[in-house]
Amino acid sequence: MSDILKKLESIAVRFNEVGQQIVDPDIIADMDRYVKLNKEYKELEEIVQVYKSFKNVVDNIETSKQMLETEEDPEMKEMAKMELDELLPKREEMEEEIKVMLIPKDPEDDKNVIVELRAGTGGDESCIFVEDIYRMYSMYIKSKGWKMEVVNTNEGGTAGYREISFEIEGDGVYGTLKFESGVHRVQRVPDTESQGRVHTSAITVAVMPEAEDVDVKLNMADVKKDTYRASGAGGQHVNKTESAVRLTHIPTNTVVECQDGRSQHKNYEKALTVLRTRLYQAELEKKQEARSAHRKSLVSTGDRSAKIRTYNYPQGRITDHRINKTMYNLSSFMNGDIQEIIDALKIAENAEKMKAGDN
């Protein structure tokens, strides 16, 4: 417990330092530094408030213990005992909360994301499931008050999407959605199935923290740009102008297409963002692999080929295989009610980190 107090005390010292720095005119003049410090101040403020409450509980426990030892009045002793009976469980509860708060935050957690959904095994049914999952995320994003914009679409043969990618902007988006990466499997009777047999299809979901200019230094001499006529939905302009953009990063052979914007310029900017994000993601995955050599995470392995979740329509259930959690609310889940599984995955990851002593 004294270790927790020491950590909290050092955080309170840092909080006061940052508080003085953000009113320094020299720092205010340096916008990048000011924004970073302001963000740190807000993050530390929450912990410092908890620290004050926790210290108050610890001090009251010490006072009550002293009263029990030194007080001769039976009534006062009884009061001190009652106080201890109330405060000791409260201290334990607060310690657990603080341990979670002190787990180092993933620096990527506050980033916006690019999400890519791709049809896998299962033909047309897989394309339809891409559209279903896209709708599920869209409804969840709306409930969170985040902003979403489609970057690129590739429609399926008869229905749905072979591929759809979209950008999400908001507070803590990557930290919330990062556990969605992997293979999502669906078991249901397709509309085209006359015998009523259950088919299994799969799609892949990739949630990538959006790279900023400072994250990836892109040498434009390594990027080949092609333009072509957009196809699919989007208005009459699509077949008249070469508004669609394809970028190829020659050293890694990474190809990005963007055709959903109204202009070639907008599609080019979006494609550049996605290209940076893909290259950044590749670096992050290397780091995750290196980390998992000594700590194998059940929750976020970074392996996109891992089957993470099954959606079983006949039984109305969803099972997340990483934490062996099954829920029987498939209908509301597909309407964007996915917070429960996200919270469970966060708790599981925090437990792993604490067990590994990362905090």
Protein backbone atom coordinates (compact mmCIF):
# COMPACT_ATOMS: atom_id res chain seq x y z
CA MET A 1 0.00 0.00 0.00
CA SER A 2 2.88 2.39 0.81
CA ASP A 3 4.18 1.73 -2.74
CA ILE A 4 0.86 2.92 -4.15
CA LEU A 5 1.01 6.08 -2.02
CA LYS A 6 4.60 6.76 -3.18
CA LYS A 7 3.56 6.40 -6.83
CA LEU A 8 0.57 8.69 -6.27
CA GLU A 9 2.70 11.27 -4.48
CA SER A 10 5.18 11.40 -7.39
CA ILE A 11 2.24 11.81 -9.81
CA ALA A 12 0.92 14.71 -7.67
CA VAL A 13 4.37 16.37 -7.87
CA ARG A 14 4.39 15.99 -11.67
CA PHE A 15 0.82 17.33 -11.84
CA ASN A 16 1.88 20.52 -10.03
CA GLU A 17 4.92 20.89 -12.32
CA VAL A 18 2.75 20.58 -15.45
CA GLY A 19 0.22 23.01 -13.94
CA GLN A 20 2.97 25.64 -13.64
CA GLN A 21 4.33 24.93 -17.12
CA ILE A 22 1.01 25.37 -18.98
CA VAL A 23 0.75 28.99 -17.77
CA ASP A 24 4.34 29.77 -18.83
CA PRO A 25 4.20 32.23 -21.81
CA ASP A 26 7.15 30.49 -23.54
CA ILE A 27 5.34 27.16 -23.48
CA ILE A 28 2.01 28.70 -24.56
CA ALA A 29 3.89 30.12 -27.58
CA ASP A 30 5.04 26.58 -28.53
CA MET A 31 1.69 25.11 -29.57
CA ASP A 32 2.84 21.48 -29.98
CA ARG A 33 4.38 21.41 -26.52
CA TYR A 34 1.42 23.26 -24.98
CA VAL A 35 -1.09 20.76 -26.44
CA LYS A 36 0.96 17.80 -25.15
CA LEU A 37 1.29 19.26 -21.65
CA ASN A 38 -2.39 20.21 -21.54
CA LYS A 39 -3.30 16.61 -22.41
CA GLU A 40 -0.95 15.29 -19.72
CA TYR A 41 -2.45 17.71 -17.18
CA LYS A 42 -5.98 16.41 -17.83
CA GLU A 43 -4.85 12.78 -17.56
CA LEU A 44 -2.97 13.41 -14.29
CA GLU A 45 -5.82 15.47 -12.81
CA GLU A 46 -8.10 12.42 -12.59
CA ILE A 47 -5.44 10.37 -10.75
CA VAL A 48 -4.59 13.27 -8.39
CA GLN A 49 -8.26 13.61 -7.38
CA VAL A 50 -8.35 9.88 -6.54
CA TYR A 51 -5.04 10.26 -4.66
CA LYS A 52 -6.54 12.97 -2.42
CA SER A 53 -9.54 10.75 -1.58
CA PHE A 54 -7.29 7.72 -1.01
CA LYS A 55 -4.90 9.66 1.25
CA ASN A 56 -7.87 10.88 3.26
CA VAL A 57 -9.05 7.27 3.78
CA VAL A 58 -5.52 6.12 4.76
CA ASP A 59 -5.11 9.01 7.24
CA ASN A 60 -8.51 8.27 8.82
CA ILE A 61 -7.58 4.60 9.22
CA GLU A 62 -4.39 5.59 11.06
CA THR A 63 -6.35 7.97 13.32
CA SER A 64 -8.93 5.28 14.13
CA LYS A 65 -6.19 2.74 14.92
CA GLN A 66 -4.53 5.19 17.30
CA MET A 67 -7.85 5.84 19.00
CA LEU A 68 -8.35 2.11 19.54
CA GLU A 69 -4.92 1.85 21.15
CA THR A 70 -5.00 4.98 23.32
CA GLU A 71 -8.67 5.77 23.99
CA GLU A 72 -10.13 4.56 27.29
CA ASP A 73 -13.73 5.65 26.74
CA PRO A 74 -15.65 2.52 25.55
CA GLU A 75 -17.98 4.60 23.36
CA MET A 76 -15.09 6.31 21.59
CA LYS A 77 -13.40 2.93 21.12
CA GLU A 78 -16.60 1.52 19.60
CA MET A 79 -16.82 4.51 17.24
CA ALA A 80 -13.21 3.98 16.16
CA LYS A 81 -13.90 0.28 15.55
CA MET A 82 -17.00 1.08 13.46
CA GLU A 83 -14.97 3.60 11.49
CA LEU A 84 -12.27 1.00 10.78
CA ASP A 85 -14.87 -1.60 9.71
CA GLU A 86 -16.09 0.89 7.13
CA LEU A 87 -12.74 2.29 5.99
CA LEU A 88 -10.66 -0.90 5.59
CA PRO A 89 -12.85 -2.44 2.82
CA LYS A 90 -13.04 1.01 1.18
CA ARG A 91 -9.23 1.21 1.14
CA GLU A 92 -8.99 -2.24 -0.51
CA GLU A 93 -11.55 -1.26 -3.14
CA MET A 94 -9.73 2.00 -3.89
CA GLU A 95 -6.37 0.19 -4.12
CA GLU A 96 -7.76 -2.06 -6.86
CA GLU A 97 -9.13 0.94 -8.77
CA ILE A 98 -5.81 2.78 -8.44
CA LYS A 99 -3.81 -0.24 -9.66
CA VAL A 100 -5.86 -0.16 -12.87
CA MET A 101 -5.41 3.62 -13.19
CA LEU A 102 -1.63 3.25 -12.78
CA ILE A 103 -1.30 0.74 -15.62
CA PRO A 104 0.73 2.57 -18.29
CA LYS A 105 -1.54 3.76 -21.07
CA ASP A 106 -0.91 2.58 -24.61
CA PRO A 107 0.34 5.78 -26.32
CA GLU A 108 -1.79 4.86 -29.35
CA ASP A 109 -5.06 4.72 -27.37
CA ASP A 110 -6.05 8.34 -27.98
CA LYS A 111 -5.53 8.15 -31.73
CA ASN A 112 -8.25 8.15 -34.38
CA VAL A 113 -8.46 4.96 -36.43
CA ILE A 114 -8.76 3.54 -39.91
CA VAL A 115 -10.93 0.39 -39.92
CA GLU A 116 -10.76 -2.09 -42.81
CA LEU A 117 -13.37 -4.85 -43.18
CA ARG A 118 -12.69 -7.58 -45.75
CA ALA A 119 -14.74 -10.56 -46.89
CA GLY A 120 -13.03 -13.89 -46.31
CA THR A 121 -14.33 -17.43 -46.74
CA GLY A 122 -17.99 -17.86 -47.62
CA GLY A 123 -18.48 -16.04 -50.94
CA ASP A 124 -21.52 -13.76 -51.15
CA GLU A 125 -22.52 -14.53 -47.56
CA SER A 126 -19.15 -13.20 -46.39
CA CYS A 127 -19.73 -9.94 -48.33
CA ILE A 128 -23.16 -9.59 -46.70
CA PHE A 129 -21.59 -10.10 -43.27
CA VAL A 130 -19.05 -7.32 -44.00
CA GLU A 131 -22.05 -5.01 -44.51
CA ASP A 132 -23.69 -6.28 -41.29
CA ILE A 133 -20.55 -5.64 -39.24
CA TYR A 134 -20.09 -2.23 -40.89
CA ARG A 135 -23.66 -1.37 -39.85
CA MET A 136 -22.97 -2.65 -36.31
CA TYR A 137 -19.91 -0.42 -35.94
CA SER A 138 -21.74 2.55 -37.52
CA MET A 139 -24.47 2.34 -34.89
CA TYR A 140 -21.95 1.99 -32.07
CA ILE A 141 -19.95 4.96 -33.39
CA LYS A 142 -23.14 7.05 -33.49
CA SER A 143 -23.95 6.11 -29.87
CA LYS A 144 -20.45 7.29 -28.83
CA GLY A 145 -20.83 10.63 -30.61
CA TRP A 146 -17.79 9.95 -32.80
CA LYS A 147 -17.41 11.06 -36.42
CA MET A 148 -17.10 8.52 -39.24
CA GLU A 149 -16.21 8.85 -42.92
CA VAL A 150 -15.99 6.10 -45.54
CA VAL A 151 -12.58 6.03 -47.27
CA ASN A 152 -13.07 3.26 -49.84
CA THR A 153 -15.60 0.60 -50.84
CA ASN A 154 -15.48 -2.45 -53.07
CA GLU A 155 -18.95 -3.90 -53.51
CA GLY A 156 -19.74 -7.63 -53.42
CA GLY A 157 -20.94 -9.68 -56.37
CA THR A 158 -24.65 -9.71 -55.49
CA ALA A 159 -24.81 -7.83 -52.18
CA GLY A 160 -22.70 -6.35 -49.39
CA TYR A 161 -19.03 -5.42 -49.67
CA ARG A 162 -15.90 -7.32 -50.57
CA GLU A 163 -14.11 -4.58 -48.70
CA ILE A 164 -14.94 -1.34 -46.95
CA SER A 165 -12.63 1.01 -45.07
CA PHE A 166 -13.57 3.99 -42.95
CA GLU A 167 -12.01 6.58 -40.67
CA ILE A 168 -13.28 7.24 -37.13
CA GLU A 169 -12.51 10.42 -35.19
CA GLY A 170 -13.23 10.93 -31.49
CA ASP A 171 -11.90 10.61 -27.95
CA GLY A 172 -9.96 7.41 -27.23
CA VAL A 173 -11.16 5.64 -30.38
CA TYR A 174 -8.21 3.27 -30.78
CA GLY A 175 -8.18 2.42 -27.08
CA THR A 176 -11.84 1.40 -27.37
CA LEU A 177 -11.83 -0.48 -30.68
CA LYS A 178 -8.32 -2.01 -30.86
CA PHE A 179 -9.55 -5.41 -29.62
CA GLU A 180 -11.83 -5.76 -32.67
CA SER A 181 -8.94 -6.70 -35.00
CA GLY A 182 -9.02 -10.31 -36.15
CA VAL A 183 -11.28 -12.85 -37.85
CA HIS A 184 -15.01 -12.56 -37.14
CA ARG A 185 -16.91 -15.75 -37.98
CA VAL A 186 -20.66 -15.99 -38.70
CA GLN A 187 -22.85 -19.10 -38.58
CA ARG A 188 -26.30 -18.72 -40.13
CA VAL A 189 -28.65 -19.88 -42.87
CA PRO A 190 -28.04 -17.70 -45.96
CA ASP A 191 -31.07 -16.26 -47.81
CA THR A 192 -29.98 -18.24 -50.88
CA GLU A 193 -29.96 -21.57 -48.97
CA SER A 194 -33.14 -23.51 -49.81
CA GLN A 195 -32.36 -26.52 -47.58
CA GLY A 196 -32.11 -24.45 -44.40
CA ARG A 197 -28.51 -25.50 -43.74
CA VAL A 198 -26.29 -23.38 -41.53
CA HIS A 199 -23.24 -22.00 -43.37
CA THR A 200 -20.04 -20.67 -41.79
CA SER A 201 -18.42 -17.56 -43.27
CA ALA A 202 -15.67 -15.27 -42.07
CA ILE A 203 -14.45 -11.72 -42.48
CA THR A 204 -11.34 -9.93 -41.25
CA VAL A 205 -11.41 -6.70 -39.27
CA ALA A 206 -8.32 -4.49 -39.02
CA VAL A 207 -8.39 -1.52 -36.61
CA MET A 208 -5.32 0.65 -37.12
CA PRO A 209 -4.31 3.80 -35.20
CA GLU A 210 -4.26 6.65 -37.68
CA ALA A 211 -0.70 7.76 -38.34
CA GLU A 212 0.19 11.43 -38.16
CA ASP A 213 2.96 13.11 -40.15
CA VAL A 214 5.31 12.83 -37.17
CA ASP A 215 4.70 9.06 -36.85
CA VAL A 216 5.78 8.12 -40.39
CA LYS A 217 8.25 10.07 -42.51
CA LEU A 218 7.08 9.18 -46.00
CA ASN A 219 9.52 9.68 -48.86
CA MET A 220 7.22 10.68 -51.74
CA ALA A 221 9.84 9.45 -54.23
CA ASP A 222 8.90 5.93 -53.01
CA VAL A 223 5.19 6.45 -53.74
CA LYS A 224 3.68 5.79 -57.17
CA LYS A 225 0.38 7.56 -57.85
CA ASP A 226 -2.25 6.31 -60.35
CA THR A 227 -5.65 7.83 -61.04
CA TYR A 228 -8.66 6.08 -62.53
CA ARG A 229 -12.40 6.45 -62.89
CA ALA A 230 -14.34 5.62 -59.75
CA SER A 231 -17.05 2.98 -59.90
CA GLY A 232 -20.07 2.17 -57.79
CA ALA A 233 -22.30 4.47 -55.76
CA GLY A 234 -21.42 8.11 -55.39
CA GLY A 235 -23.31 10.15 -57.95
CA GLN A 236 -23.07 10.84 -61.67
CA HIS A 237 -19.60 12.34 -61.47
CA VAL A 238 -18.01 8.96 -60.90
CA ASN A 239 -17.73 7.89 -64.53
CA LYS A 240 -16.77 11.30 -65.92
CA THR A 241 -13.57 12.17 -64.04
CA GLU A 242 -10.52 10.24 -62.91
CA SER A 243 -11.21 11.05 -59.25
CA ALA A 244 -10.15 7.68 -57.80
CA VAL A 245 -6.56 7.39 -56.57
CA ARG A 246 -4.29 4.39 -56.16
CA LEU A 247 -1.01 4.79 -54.25
CA THR A 248 1.74 2.17 -54.26
CA HIS A 249 4.55 2.29 -51.71
CA ILE A 250 7.30 0.74 -53.82
CA PRO A 251 9.69 -0.49 -51.03
CA THR A 252 6.93 -2.48 -49.25
CA ASN A 253 4.55 -3.00 -52.22
CA THR A 254 1.72 -1.60 -50.06
CA VAL A 255 -1.21 -0.59 -52.27
CA VAL A 256 -3.97 1.80 -51.15
CA GLU A 257 -7.04 2.82 -53.13
CA CYS A 258 -9.50 5.60 -52.41
CA GLN A 259 -12.49 6.44 -54.58
CA ASP A 260 -15.31 7.54 -52.27
CA GLY A 261 -14.37 11.22 -52.08
CA ARG A 262 -15.88 13.78 -54.47
CA SER A 263 -12.55 15.01 -55.79
CA GLN A 264 -9.20 13.56 -56.78
CA HIS A 265 -7.50 15.88 -54.30
CA LYS A 266 -9.63 14.61 -51.39
CA ASN A 267 -9.10 10.99 -52.43
CA TYR A 268 -5.35 11.59 -52.66
CA GLU A 269 -5.22 13.07 -49.14
CA LYS A 270 -7.27 10.17 -47.74
CA ALA A 271 -5.15 7.59 -49.55
CA LEU A 272 -1.99 9.18 -48.14
CA THR A 273 -3.45 8.95 -44.61
CA VAL A 274 -4.31 5.28 -45.12
CA LEU A 275 -0.85 4.55 -46.59
CA ARG A 276 0.89 6.19 -43.62
CA THR A 277 -1.42 4.27 -41.27
CA ARG A 278 -0.69 0.90 -42.95
CA LEU A 279 3.08 1.49 -42.74
CA TYR A 280 2.76 2.62 -39.11
CA GLN A 281 0.62 -0.46 -38.31
CA ALA A 282 3.31 -2.74 -39.77
CA GLU A 283 5.87 -1.19 -37.37
CA LEU A 284 3.48 -1.54 -34.43
CA GLU A 285 2.91 -5.22 -35.24
CA LYS A 286 6.68 -5.82 -35.18
CA LYS A 287 6.81 -4.24 -31.70
CA GLN A 288 3.86 -6.35 -30.53
CA GLU A 289 5.54 -9.53 -31.76
CA ALA A 290 8.71 -8.62 -29.90
CA ARG A 291 6.69 -7.90 -26.74
CA SER A 292 4.66 -11.10 -26.97
CA ALA A 293 7.91 -13.09 -27.01
CA HIS A 294 8.01 -12.56 -23.24
CA ARG A 295 4.30 -11.90 -22.61
CA LYS A 296 1.73 -13.69 -24.76
CA SER A 297 -1.42 -11.60 -24.63
CA LEU A 298 -4.72 -13.42 -25.04
CA VAL A 299 -6.51 -10.21 -25.85
CA SER A 300 -4.41 -8.29 -28.38
CA THR A 301 -1.86 -10.48 -30.14
CA GLY A 302 -1.75 -8.25 -33.20
CA ASP A 303 -2.38 -11.39 -35.27
CA ARG A 304 -5.11 -10.58 -37.77
CA SER A 305 -5.47 -14.23 -38.76
CA ALA A 306 -6.61 -15.20 -35.26
CA LYS A 307 -10.29 -16.15 -34.99
CA ILE A 308 -11.55 -13.86 -32.24
CA ARG A 309 -15.34 -14.02 -32.29
CA THR A 310 -18.25 -16.15 -33.53
CA TYR A 311 -21.73 -14.81 -34.28
CA ASN A 312 -24.19 -17.75 -34.18
CA TYR A 313 -27.58 -16.70 -35.54
CA PRO A 314 -29.59 -19.94 -34.93
CA GLN A 315 -28.73 -19.75 -31.21
CA GLY A 316 -28.73 -15.93 -31.01
CA ARG A 317 -25.30 -15.89 -29.38
CA ILE A 318 -21.93 -14.19 -29.67
CA THR A 319 -18.79 -15.84 -28.31
CA ASP A 320 -15.49 -14.04 -27.87
CA HIS A 321 -12.90 -16.84 -27.95
CA ARG A 322 -10.07 -14.85 -26.33
CA ILE A 323 -11.86 -14.46 -23.00
CA ASN A 324 -14.39 -17.33 -23.37
CA LYS A 325 -17.29 -14.92 -22.98
CA THR A 326 -20.66 -15.85 -24.49
CA MET A 327 -23.66 -13.53 -24.66
CA TYR A 328 -27.17 -14.26 -25.93
CA ASN A 329 -28.12 -10.80 -27.19
CA LEU A 330 -27.13 -11.15 -30.85
CA SER A 331 -29.96 -8.94 -32.14
CA SER A 332 -29.06 -5.92 -29.99
CA PHE A 333 -25.32 -6.62 -30.47
CA MET A 334 -25.72 -6.33 -34.25
CA ASN A 335 -27.53 -3.03 -33.63
CA GLY A 336 -24.38 -1.58 -32.07
CA ASP A 337 -24.81 -2.67 -28.45
CA ILE A 338 -21.21 -3.92 -28.14
CA GLN A 339 -19.98 -2.00 -25.08
CA GLU A 340 -20.23 -5.00 -22.72
CA ILE A 341 -17.76 -7.09 -24.75
CA ILE A 342 -15.40 -4.10 -25.17
CA ASP A 343 -15.40 -3.52 -21.40
CA ALA A 344 -14.77 -7.24 -20.73
CA LEU A 345 -11.79 -7.24 -23.12
CA LYS A 346 -10.33 -4.12 -21.46
CA ILE A 347 -10.67 -5.72 -18.03
CA ALA A 348 -8.97 -8.90 -19.31
CA GLU A 349 -6.07 -6.92 -20.77
CA ASN A 350 -5.65 -4.90 -17.56
CA ALA A 351 -5.60 -8.12 -15.55
CA GLU A 352 -2.89 -9.51 -17.86
CA LYS A 353 -0.80 -6.36 -17.51
CA MET A 354 -1.06 -6.36 -13.72
CA LYS A 355 -0.19 -10.08 -13.58
CA ALA A 356 2.86 -9.47 -15.77
CA GLY A 357 3.93 -6.60 -13.54
CA ASP A 358 3.80 -4.06 -16.35
CA ASN A 359 2.37 -1.48 -13.97
